[in-house]
Amino acid sequence: MSNLIPLILGMAAVTYLPRLLPFFIVTDKKIPKSLEAFLDCIPAASLGALVVPGMFSVTPDVPLAAVLGIGFTIVYGLIRGGILLPVLGSVAVTYFVLLHFH
């Protein structure tokens, strides 16, 4: 057990340092517009990567649940943005549809 603590601390440092270093490197520099436009697309891309692959395979008996869940995600995501609330809302919509139709 005692040899796991350095391993855990090492893994924490390896995962935390790449996230921390950009804050020190890019403090007062202006981000180019093309890079900023690219970075603005990351939430939508990650949302798509999280939701779309398993959309219909989770509820094969009730495809309406998947359609309404992804519909909520798209509409809410386009109107309000973000990642967490569209995903949680999609889960809630899918749950309630499955509760009533399954």
PDB file of N, CA and C in Angstrom:
ATOM      1  N   MET A   1       0.817  -1.187   0.000  1.00  0.00           N
ATOM      2  CA  MET A   1       0.000   0.000   0.000  1.00  0.00           C
ATOM      3  C   MET A   1       0.862   1.253   0.000  1.00  0.00           C
ATOM      4  N   SER A   2       1.972   1.231   0.731  1.00  0.00           N
ATOM      5  CA  SER A   2       2.823   2.411   0.833  1.00  0.00           C
ATOM      6  C   SER A   2       3.487   2.760  -0.498  1.00  0.00           C
ATOM      7  N   ASN A   3       3.686   1.762  -1.379  1.00  0.00           N
ATOM      8  CA  ASN A   3       4.289   2.068  -2.673  1.00  0.00           C
ATOM      9  C   ASN A   3       3.252   2.612  -3.676  1.00  0.00           C
ATOM     10  N   LEU A   4       1.986   2.588  -3.339  1.00  0.00           N
ATOM     11  CA  LEU A   4       0.964   3.157  -4.210  1.00  0.00           C
ATOM     12  C   LEU A   4       0.867   4.671  -4.089  1.00  0.00           C
ATOM     13  N   ILE A   5       1.220   5.222  -2.942  1.00  0.00           N
ATOM     14  CA  ILE A   5       1.099   6.665  -2.726  1.00  0.00           C
ATOM     15  C   ILE A   5       2.001   7.451  -3.682  1.00  0.00           C
ATOM     16  N   PRO A   6       3.278   7.102  -3.859  1.00  0.00           N
ATOM     17  CA  PRO A   6       4.081   7.829  -4.853  1.00  0.00           C
ATOM     18  C   PRO A   6       3.539   7.661  -6.276  1.00  0.00           C
ATOM     19  N   LEU A   7       3.008   6.492  -6.560  1.00  0.00           N
ATOM     20  CA  LEU A   7       2.421   6.258  -7.878  1.00  0.00           C
ATOM     21  C   LEU A   7       1.212   7.157  -8.105  1.00  0.00           C
ATOM     22  N   ILE A   8       0.344   7.254  -7.125  1.00  0.00           N
ATOM     23  CA  ILE A   8      -0.842   8.111  -7.231  1.00  0.00           C
ATOM     24  C   ILE A   8      -0.444   9.576  -7.344  1.00  0.00           C
ATOM     25  N   LEU A   9       0.514  10.018  -6.540  1.00  0.00           N
ATOM     26  CA  LEU A   9       0.979  11.405  -6.613  1.00  0.00           C
ATOM     27  C   LEU A   9       1.641  11.699  -7.957  1.00  0.00           C
ATOM     28  N   GLY A  10       2.404  10.754  -8.470  1.00  0.00           N
ATOM     29  CA  GLY A  10       3.027  10.928  -9.791  1.00  0.00           C
ATOM     30  C   GLY A  10       1.995  11.027 -10.896  1.00  0.00           C
ATOM     31  N   MET A  11       0.979  10.184 -10.848  1.00  0.00           N
ATOM     32  CA  MET A  11      -0.082  10.240 -11.864  1.00  0.00           C
ATOM     33  C   MET A  11      -0.871  11.538 -11.750  1.00  0.00           C
ATOM     34  N   ALA A  12      -1.090  12.020 -10.532  1.00  0.00           N
ATOM     35  CA  ALA A  12      -1.792  13.289 -10.347  1.00  0.00           C
ATOM     36  C   ALA A  12      -0.979  14.439 -10.934  1.00  0.00           C
ATOM     37  N   ALA A  13       0.329  14.428 -10.711  1.00  0.00           N
ATOM     38  CA  ALA A  13       1.186  15.492 -11.256  1.00  0.00           C
ATOM     39  C   ALA A  13       1.216  15.443 -12.775  1.00  0.00           C
ATOM     40  N   VAL A  14       1.296  14.247 -13.346  1.00  0.00           N
ATOM     41  CA  VAL A  14       1.353  14.111 -14.800  1.00  0.00           C
ATOM     42  C   VAL A  14       0.056  14.577 -15.454  1.00  0.00           C
ATOM     43  N   THR A  15      -1.076  14.368 -14.819  1.00  0.00           N
ATOM     44  CA  THR A  15      -2.331  14.818 -15.417  1.00  0.00           C
ATOM     45  C   THR A  15      -2.629  16.275 -15.115  1.00  0.00           C
ATOM     46  N   TYR A  16      -2.129  16.797 -14.003  1.00  0.00           N
ATOM     47  CA  TYR A  16      -2.443  18.173 -13.633  1.00  0.00           C
ATOM     48  C   TYR A  16      -1.525  19.181 -14.307  1.00  0.00           C
ATOM     49  N   LEU A  17      -0.253  18.862 -14.476  1.00  0.00           N
ATOM     50  CA  LEU A  17       0.698  19.809 -15.059  1.00  0.00           C
ATOM     51  C   LEU A  17       0.324  20.259 -16.473  1.00  0.00           C
ATOM     52  N   PRO A  18      -0.069  19.371 -17.386  1.00  0.00           N
ATOM     53  CA  PRO A  18      -0.450  19.868 -18.717  1.00  0.00           C
ATOM     54  C   PRO A  18      -1.669  20.791 -18.692  1.00  0.00           C
ATOM     55  N   ARG A  19      -2.498  20.688 -17.700  1.00  0.00           N
ATOM     56  CA  ARG A  19      -3.651  21.578 -17.584  1.00  0.00           C
ATOM     57  C   ARG A  19      -3.265  22.906 -16.934  1.00  0.00           C
ATOM     58  N   LEU A  20      -2.246  22.902 -16.117  1.00  0.00           N
ATOM     59  CA  LEU A  20      -1.834  24.104 -15.397  1.00  0.00           C
ATOM     60  C   LEU A  20      -0.863  24.959 -16.209  1.00  0.00           C
ATOM     61  N   LEU A  21       0.019  24.341 -16.970  1.00  0.00           N
ATOM     62  CA  LEU A  21       1.047  25.076 -17.693  1.00  0.00           C
ATOM     63  C   LEU A  21       0.504  26.136 -18.661  1.00  0.00           C
ATOM     64  N   PRO A  22      -0.547  25.892 -19.418  1.00  0.00           N
ATOM     65  CA  PRO A  22      -1.032  26.947 -20.322  1.00  0.00           C
ATOM     66  C   PRO A  22      -1.435  28.234 -19.603  1.00  0.00           C
ATOM     67  N   PHE A  23      -1.881  28.158 -18.373  1.00  0.00           N
ATOM     68  CA  PHE A  23      -2.237  29.365 -17.639  1.00  0.00           C
ATOM     69  C   PHE A  23      -1.015  30.226 -17.350  1.00  0.00           C
ATOM     70  N   PHE A  24       0.134  29.598 -17.182  1.00  0.00           N
ATOM     71  CA  PHE A  24       1.351  30.358 -16.940  1.00  0.00           C
ATOM     72  C   PHE A  24       2.011  30.817 -18.243  1.00  0.00           C
ATOM     73  N   ILE A  25       1.863  30.032 -19.290  1.00  0.00           N
ATOM     74  CA  ILE A  25       2.513  30.360 -20.563  1.00  0.00           C
ATOM     75  C   ILE A  25       1.737  31.438 -21.318  1.00  0.00           C
ATOM     76  N   VAL A  26       0.415  31.339 -21.335  1.00  0.00           N
ATOM     77  CA  VAL A  26      -0.417  32.235 -22.141  1.00  0.00           C
ATOM     78  C   VAL A  26      -1.145  33.227 -21.237  1.00  0.00           C
ATOM     79  N   THR A  27      -0.438  33.955 -20.441  1.00  0.00           N
ATOM     80  CA  THR A  27      -1.098  34.862 -19.502  1.00  0.00           C
ATOM     81  C   THR A  27      -1.569  36.144 -20.176  1.00  0.00           C
ATOM     82  N   ASP A  28      -0.684  36.864 -20.857  1.00  0.00           N
ATOM     83  CA  ASP A  28      -1.053  38.147 -21.450  1.00  0.00           C
ATOM     84  C   ASP A  28      -1.082  38.121 -22.967  1.00  0.00           C
ATOM     85  N   LYS A  29      -0.970  36.960 -23.559  1.00  0.00           N
ATOM     86  CA  LYS A  29      -0.938  36.867 -25.019  1.00  0.00           C
ATOM     87  C   LYS A  29      -2.347  36.853 -25.584  1.00  0.00           C
ATOM     88  N   LYS A  30      -2.514  37.471 -26.735  1.00  0.00           N
ATOM     89  CA  LYS A  30      -3.795  37.516 -27.427  1.00  0.00           C
ATOM     90  C   LYS A  30      -3.939  36.264 -28.286  1.00  0.00           C
ATOM     91  N   ILE A  31      -5.066  35.587 -28.162  1.00  0.00           N
ATOM     92  CA  ILE A  31      -5.319  34.374 -28.940  1.00  0.00           C
ATOM     93  C   ILE A  31      -5.799  34.790 -30.325  1.00  0.00           C
ATOM     94  N   PRO A  32      -5.229  34.208 -31.401  1.00  0.00           N
ATOM     95  CA  PRO A  32      -5.690  34.548 -32.749  1.00  0.00           C
ATOM     96  C   PRO A  32      -7.164  34.171 -32.944  1.00  0.00           C
ATOM     97  N   LYS A  33      -7.852  34.931 -33.796  1.00  0.00           N
ATOM     98  CA  LYS A  33      -9.291  34.708 -34.023  1.00  0.00           C
ATOM     99  C   LYS A  33      -9.567  33.311 -34.558  1.00  0.00           C
ATOM    100  N   SER A  34      -8.707  32.801 -35.430  1.00  0.00           N
ATOM    101  CA  SER A  34      -8.939  31.465 -35.990  1.00  0.00           C
ATOM    102  C   SER A  34      -8.835  30.393 -34.909  1.00  0.00           C
ATOM    103  N   LEU A  35      -7.877  30.538 -33.996  1.00  0.00           N
ATOM    104  CA  LEU A  35      -7.745  29.581 -32.893  1.00  0.00           C
ATOM    105  C   LEU A  35      -8.920  29.707 -31.932  1.00  0.00           C
ATOM    106  N   GLU A  36      -9.360  30.930 -31.682  1.00  0.00           N
ATOM    107  CA  GLU A  36     -10.509  31.132 -30.806  1.00  0.00           C
ATOM    108  C   GLU A  36     -11.775  30.515 -31.401  1.00  0.00           C
ATOM    109  N   ALA A  37     -11.948  30.641 -32.716  1.00  0.00           N
ATOM    110  CA  ALA A  37     -13.100  30.020 -33.385  1.00  0.00           C
ATOM    111  C   ALA A  37     -13.025  28.501 -33.278  1.00  0.00           C
ATOM    112  N   PHE A  38     -11.821  27.952 -33.422  1.00  0.00           N
ATOM    113  CA  PHE A  38     -11.645  26.511 -33.274  1.00  0.00           C
ATOM    114  C   PHE A  38     -11.977  26.066 -31.851  1.00  0.00           C
ATOM    115  N   LEU A  39     -11.497  26.806 -30.857  1.00  0.00           N
ATOM    116  CA  LEU A  39     -11.752  26.444 -29.463  1.00  0.00           C
ATOM    117  C   LEU A  39     -13.228  26.574 -29.102  1.00  0.00           C
ATOM    118  N   ASP A  40     -13.945  27.470 -29.773  1.00  0.00           N
ATOM    119  CA  ASP A  40     -15.383  27.595 -29.533  1.00  0.00           C
ATOM    120  C   ASP A  40     -16.155  26.365 -30.007  1.00  0.00           C
ATOM    121  N   CYS A  41     -15.588  25.601 -30.928  1.00  0.00           N
ATOM    122  CA  CYS A  41     -16.259  24.399 -31.453  1.00  0.00           C
ATOM    123  C   CYS A  41     -16.055  23.181 -30.563  1.00  0.00           C
ATOM    124  N   ILE A  42     -15.138  23.230 -29.642  1.00  0.00           N
ATOM    125  CA  ILE A  42     -14.820  22.061 -28.818  1.00  0.00           C
ATOM    126  C   ILE A  42     -16.003  21.605 -27.964  1.00  0.00           C
ATOM    127  N   PRO A  43     -16.769  22.495 -27.306  1.00  0.00           N
ATOM    128  CA  PRO A  43     -17.904  21.988 -26.528  1.00  0.00           C
ATOM    129  C   PRO A  43     -18.919  21.220 -27.371  1.00  0.00           C
ATOM    130  N   ALA A  44     -19.232  21.712 -28.565  1.00  0.00           N
ATOM    131  CA  ALA A  44     -20.179  20.998 -29.422  1.00  0.00           C
ATOM    132  C   ALA A  44     -19.609  19.663 -29.885  1.00  0.00           C
ATOM    133  N   ALA A  45     -18.337  19.646 -30.205  1.00  0.00           N
ATOM    134  CA  ALA A  45     -17.714  18.399 -30.655  1.00  0.00           C
ATOM    135  C   ALA A  45     -17.659  17.374 -29.532  1.00  0.00           C
ATOM    136  N   SER A  46     -17.319  17.826 -28.333  1.00  0.00           N
ATOM    137  CA  SER A  46     -17.257  16.871 -27.223  1.00  0.00           C
ATOM    138  C   SER A  46     -18.648  16.395 -26.833  1.00  0.00           C
ATOM    139  N   LEU A  47     -19.640  17.269 -26.925  1.00  0.00           N
ATOM    140  CA  LEU A  47     -21.015  16.862 -26.660  1.00  0.00           C
ATOM    141  C   LEU A  47     -21.452  15.812 -27.673  1.00  0.00           C
ATOM    142  N   GLY A  48     -21.125  16.037 -28.924  1.00  0.00           N
ATOM    143  CA  GLY A  48     -21.449  15.047 -29.953  1.00  0.00           C
ATOM    144  C   GLY A  48     -20.739  13.724 -29.722  1.00  0.00           C
ATOM    145  N   ALA A  49     -19.488  13.793 -29.309  1.00  0.00           N
ATOM    146  CA  ALA A  49     -18.734  12.565 -29.058  1.00  0.00           C
ATOM    147  C   ALA A  49     -19.276  11.801 -27.861  1.00  0.00           C
ATOM    148  N   LEU A  50     -19.852  12.502 -26.890  1.00  0.00           N
ATOM    149  CA  LEU A  50     -20.415  11.839 -25.721  1.00  0.00           C
ATOM    150  C   LEU A  50     -21.797  11.255 -25.986  1.00  0.00           C
ATOM    151  N   VAL A  51     -22.619  11.962 -26.724  1.00  0.00           N
ATOM    152  CA  VAL A  51     -24.030  11.610 -26.834  1.00  0.00           C
ATOM    153  C   VAL A  51     -24.338  10.753 -28.055  1.00  0.00           C
ATOM    154  N   VAL A  52     -23.828  11.131 -29.211  1.00  0.00           N
ATOM    155  CA  VAL A  52     -24.266  10.521 -30.463  1.00  0.00           C
ATOM    156  C   VAL A  52     -23.946   9.032 -30.574  1.00  0.00           C
ATOM    157  N   PRO A  53     -22.753   8.545 -30.216  1.00  0.00           N
ATOM    158  CA  PRO A  53     -22.478   7.120 -30.424  1.00  0.00           C
ATOM    159  C   PRO A  53     -23.446   6.167 -29.716  1.00  0.00           C
ATOM    160  N   GLY A  54     -23.856   6.503 -28.521  1.00  0.00           N
ATOM    161  CA  GLY A  54     -24.730   5.596 -27.795  1.00  0.00           C
ATOM    162  C   GLY A  54     -26.192   5.967 -27.838  1.00  0.00           C
ATOM    163  N   MET A  55     -26.536   6.918 -28.698  1.00  0.00           N
ATOM    164  CA  MET A  55     -27.876   7.483 -28.698  1.00  0.00           C
ATOM    165  C   MET A  55     -28.961   6.424 -28.916  1.00  0.00           C
ATOM    166  N   PHE A  56     -28.856   5.638 -29.944  1.00  0.00           N
ATOM    167  CA  PHE A  56     -29.918   4.680 -30.240  1.00  0.00           C
ATOM    168  C   PHE A  56     -29.653   3.292 -29.665  1.00  0.00           C
ATOM    169  N   SER A  57     -28.411   2.998 -29.316  1.00  0.00           N
ATOM    170  CA  SER A  57     -28.119   1.661 -28.797  1.00  0.00           C
ATOM    171  C   SER A  57     -28.554   1.498 -27.342  1.00  0.00           C
ATOM    172  N   VAL A  58     -28.760   2.573 -26.625  1.00  0.00           N
ATOM    173  CA  VAL A  58     -29.155   2.476 -25.221  1.00  0.00           C
ATOM    174  C   VAL A  58     -30.618   2.110 -25.093  1.00  0.00           C
ATOM    175  N   THR A  59     -31.458   2.647 -25.970  1.00  0.00           N
ATOM    176  CA  THR A  59     -32.903   2.408 -25.893  1.00  0.00           C
ATOM    177  C   THR A  59     -33.415   1.824 -27.206  1.00  0.00           C
ATOM    178  N   PRO A  60     -33.022   0.596 -27.571  1.00  0.00           N
ATOM    179  CA  PRO A  60     -33.455   0.045 -28.858  1.00  0.00           C
ATOM    180  C   PRO A  60     -34.959  -0.251 -28.910  1.00  0.00           C
ATOM    181  N   ASP A  61     -35.588  -0.506 -27.765  1.00  0.00           N
ATOM    182  CA  ASP A  61     -37.017  -0.805 -27.747  1.00  0.00           C
ATOM    183  C   ASP A  61     -37.865   0.453 -27.890  1.00  0.00           C
ATOM    184  N   VAL A  62     -37.352   1.598 -27.449  1.00  0.00           N
ATOM    185  CA  VAL A  62     -38.103   2.853 -27.493  1.00  0.00           C
ATOM    186  C   VAL A  62     -37.228   3.913 -28.162  1.00  0.00           C
ATOM    187  N   PRO A  63     -37.144   3.898 -29.503  1.00  0.00           N
ATOM    188  CA  PRO A  63     -36.288   4.883 -30.169  1.00  0.00           C
ATOM    189  C   PRO A  63     -36.776   6.321 -29.971  1.00  0.00           C
ATOM    190  N   LEU A  64     -38.055   6.504 -29.612  1.00  0.00           N
ATOM    191  CA  LEU A  64     -38.572   7.840 -29.348  1.00  0.00           C
ATOM    192  C   LEU A  64     -37.822   8.490 -28.182  1.00  0.00           C
ATOM    193  N   ALA A  65     -37.418   7.705 -27.202  1.00  0.00           N
ATOM    194  CA  ALA A  65     -36.676   8.239 -26.059  1.00  0.00           C
ATOM    195  C   ALA A  65     -35.341   8.828 -26.521  1.00  0.00           C
ATOM    196  N   ALA A  66     -34.658   8.130 -27.421  1.00  0.00           N
ATOM    197  CA  ALA A  66     -33.385   8.636 -27.935  1.00  0.00           C
ATOM    198  C   ALA A  66     -33.588   9.884 -28.778  1.00  0.00           C
ATOM    199  N   VAL A  67     -34.615   9.880 -29.607  1.00  0.00           N
ATOM    200  CA  VAL A  67     -34.873  11.031 -30.475  1.00  0.00           C
ATOM    201  C   VAL A  67     -35.217  12.266 -29.643  1.00  0.00           C
ATOM    202  N   LEU A  68     -36.081  12.112 -28.650  1.00  0.00           N
ATOM    203  CA  LEU A  68     -36.438  13.262 -27.811  1.00  0.00           C
ATOM    204  C   LEU A  68     -35.269  13.707 -26.936  1.00  0.00           C
ATOM    205  N   GLY A  69     -34.477  12.771 -26.455  1.00  0.00           N
ATOM    206  CA  GLY A  69     -33.309  13.128 -25.654  1.00  0.00           C
ATOM    207  C   GLY A  69     -32.289  13.922 -26.450  1.00  0.00           C
ATOM    208  N   ILE A  70     -31.954  13.448 -27.649  1.00  0.00           N
ATOM    209  CA  ILE A  70     -30.987  14.174 -28.463  1.00  0.00           C
ATOM    210  C   ILE A  70     -31.592  15.474 -28.976  1.00  0.00           C
ATOM    211  N   GLY A  71     -32.905  15.492 -29.203  1.00  0.00           N
ATOM    212  CA  GLY A  71     -33.570  16.732 -29.601  1.00  0.00           C
ATOM    213  C   GLY A  71     -33.455  17.793 -28.523  1.00  0.00           C
ATOM    214  N   PHE A  72     -33.674  17.388 -27.280  1.00  0.00           N
ATOM    215  CA  PHE A  72     -33.513  18.330 -26.176  1.00  0.00           C
ATOM    216  C   PHE A  72     -32.087  18.851 -26.117  1.00  0.00           C
ATOM    217  N   THR A  73     -31.138  17.959 -26.275  1.00  0.00           N
ATOM    218  CA  THR A  73     -29.736  18.360 -26.207  1.00  0.00           C
ATOM    219  C   THR A  73     -29.394  19.377 -27.288  1.00  0.00           C
ATOM    220  N   ILE A  74     -29.856  19.137 -28.501  1.00  0.00           N
ATOM    221  CA  ILE A  74     -29.560  20.051 -29.604  1.00  0.00           C
ATOM    222  C   ILE A  74     -30.210  21.403 -29.374  1.00  0.00           C
ATOM    223  N   VAL A  75     -31.500  21.396 -29.044  1.00  0.00           N
ATOM    224  CA  VAL A  75     -32.219  22.664 -28.873  1.00  0.00           C
ATOM    225  C   VAL A  75     -31.659  23.453 -27.701  1.00  0.00           C
ATOM    226  N   TYR A  76     -31.502  22.820 -26.563  1.00  0.00           N
ATOM    227  CA  TYR A  76     -30.987  23.522 -25.389  1.00  0.00           C
ATOM    228  C   TYR A  76     -29.544  23.976 -25.610  1.00  0.00           C
ATOM    229  N   GLY A  77     -28.756  23.115 -26.244  1.00  0.00           N
ATOM    230  CA  GLY A  77     -27.362  23.475 -26.503  1.00  0.00           C
ATOM    231  C   GLY A  77     -27.230  24.654 -27.441  1.00  0.00           C
ATOM    232  N   LEU A  78     -28.096  24.727 -28.448  1.00  0.00           N
ATOM    233  CA  LEU A  78     -28.036  25.858 -29.376  1.00  0.00           C
ATOM    234  C   LEU A  78     -28.535  27.149 -28.739  1.00  0.00           C
ATOM    235  N   ILE A  79     -29.540  27.040 -27.889  1.00  0.00           N
ATOM    236  CA  ILE A  79     -30.114  28.245 -27.274  1.00  0.00           C
ATOM    237  C   ILE A  79     -29.252  28.740 -26.118  1.00  0.00           C
ATOM    238  N   ARG A  80     -28.902  27.864 -25.200  1.00  0.00           N
ATOM    239  CA  ARG A  80     -28.218  28.276 -23.976  1.00  0.00           C
ATOM    240  C   ARG A  80     -26.727  27.931 -23.956  1.00  0.00           C
ATOM    241  N   GLY A  81     -26.311  26.945 -24.723  1.00  0.00           N
ATOM    242  CA  GLY A  81     -24.907  26.546 -24.726  1.00  0.00           C
ATOM    243  C   GLY A  81     -24.571  25.653 -23.544  1.00  0.00           C
ATOM    244  N   GLY A  82     -23.295  25.385 -23.400  1.00  0.00           N
ATOM    245  CA  GLY A  82     -22.828  24.550 -22.302  1.00  0.00           C
ATOM    246  C   GLY A  82     -22.801  23.080 -22.666  1.00  0.00           C
ATOM    247  N   ILE A  83     -22.349  22.290 -21.724  1.00  0.00           N
ATOM    248  CA  ILE A  83     -22.277  20.847 -21.918  1.00  0.00           C
ATOM    249  C   ILE A  83     -23.057  20.117 -20.837  1.00  0.00           C
ATOM    250  N   LEU A  84     -22.873  20.517 -19.600  1.00  0.00           N
ATOM    251  CA  LEU A  84     -23.436  19.774 -18.478  1.00  0.00           C
ATOM    252  C   LEU A  84     -24.958  19.759 -18.489  1.00  0.00           C
ATOM    253  N   LEU A  85     -25.594  20.918 -18.609  1.00  0.00           N
ATOM    254  CA  LEU A  85     -27.060  20.961 -18.571  1.00  0.00           C
ATOM    255  C   LEU A  85     -27.713  20.282 -19.775  1.00  0.00           C
ATOM    256  N   PRO A  86     -27.201  20.436 -20.994  1.00  0.00           N
ATOM    257  CA  PRO A  86     -27.803  19.656 -22.086  1.00  0.00           C
ATOM    258  C   PRO A  86     -27.705  18.145 -21.888  1.00  0.00           C
ATOM    259  N   VAL A  87     -26.580  17.676 -21.387  1.00  0.00           N
ATOM    260  CA  VAL A  87     -26.431  16.231 -21.172  1.00  0.00           C
ATOM    261  C   VAL A  87     -27.354  15.752 -20.055  1.00  0.00           C
ATOM    262  N   LEU A  88     -27.379  16.480 -18.947  1.00  0.00           N
ATOM    263  CA  LEU A  88     -28.264  16.081 -17.845  1.00  0.00           C
ATOM    264  C   LEU A  88     -29.731  16.173 -18.256  1.00  0.00           C
ATOM    265  N   GLY A  89     -30.087  17.213 -19.009  1.00  0.00           N
ATOM    266  CA  GLY A  89     -31.460  17.339 -19.503  1.00  0.00           C
ATOM    267  C   GLY A  89     -31.832  16.209 -20.441  1.00  0.00           C
ATOM    268  N   SER A  90     -30.902  15.821 -21.293  1.00  0.00           N
ATOM    269  CA  SER A  90     -31.143  14.703 -22.203  1.00  0.00           C
ATOM    270  C   SER A  90     -31.374  13.408 -21.436  1.00  0.00           C
ATOM    271  N   VAL A  91     -30.602  13.198 -20.394  1.00  0.00           N
ATOM    272  CA  VAL A  91     -30.792  12.008 -19.557  1.00  0.00           C
ATOM    273  C   VAL A  91     -32.165  12.045 -18.900  1.00  0.00           C
ATOM    274  N   ALA A  92     -32.564  13.211 -18.406  1.00  0.00           N
ATOM    275  CA  ALA A  92     -33.869  13.334 -17.750  1.00  0.00           C
ATOM    276  C   ALA A  92     -35.007  13.112 -18.731  1.00  0.00           C
ATOM    277  N   VAL A  93     -34.917  13.705 -19.916  1.00  0.00           N
ATOM    278  CA  VAL A  93     -35.971  13.522 -20.925  1.00  0.00           C
ATOM    279  C   VAL A  93     -36.063  12.057 -21.324  1.00  0.00           C
ATOM    280  N   THR A  94     -34.930  11.434 -21.564  1.00  0.00           N
ATOM    281  CA  THR A  94     -34.923  10.014 -21.940  1.00  0.00           C
ATOM    282  C   THR A  94     -35.505   9.162 -20.824  1.00  0.00           C
ATOM    283  N   TYR A  95     -35.164   9.459 -19.591  1.00  0.00           N
ATOM    284  CA  TYR A  95     -35.693   8.712 -18.448  1.00  0.00           C
ATOM    285  C   TYR A  95     -37.212   8.823 -18.372  1.00  0.00           C
ATOM    286  N   PHE A  96     -37.738  10.043 -18.501  1.00  0.00           N
ATOM    287  CA  PHE A  96     -39.185  10.220 -18.397  1.00  0.00           C
ATOM    288  C   PHE A  96     -39.929   9.578 -19.563  1.00  0.00           C
ATOM    289  N   VAL A  97     -39.350   9.613 -20.745  1.00  0.00           N
ATOM    290  CA  VAL A  97     -39.982   8.937 -21.885  1.00  0.00           C
ATOM    291  C   VAL A  97     -39.983   7.433 -21.660  1.00  0.00           C
ATOM    292  N   LEU A  98     -38.869   6.891 -21.195  1.00  0.00           N
ATOM    293  CA  LEU A  98     -38.824   5.448 -20.909  1.00  0.00           C
ATOM    294  C   LEU A  98     -39.783   5.071 -19.787  1.00  0.00           C
ATOM    295  N   LEU A  99     -39.927   5.944 -18.814  1.00  0.00           N
ATOM    296  CA  LEU A  99     -40.825   5.691 -17.685  1.00  0.00           C
ATOM    297  C   LEU A  99     -42.280   5.595 -18.151  1.00  0.00           C
ATOM    298  N   HIS A 100     -42.648   6.423 -19.115  1.00  0.00           N
ATOM    299  CA  HIS A 100     -44.034   6.457 -19.568  1.00  0.00           C
ATOM    300  C   HIS A 100     -44.350   5.517 -20.719  1.00  0.00           C
ATOM    301  N   PHE A 101     -43.360   5.161 -21.526  1.00  0.00           N
ATOM    302  CA  PHE A 101     -43.632   4.335 -22.707  1.00  0.00           C
ATOM    303  C   PHE A 101     -43.057   2.930 -22.625  1.00  0.00           C
ATOM    304  N   HIS A 102     -42.389   2.578 -21.581  1.00  0.00           N
ATOM    305  CA  HIS A 102     -41.780   1.248 -21.512  1.00  0.00           C
ATOM    306  C   HIS A 102     -42.440   0.370 -20.500  1.00  0.00           C
TER     307      HIS A 102
END
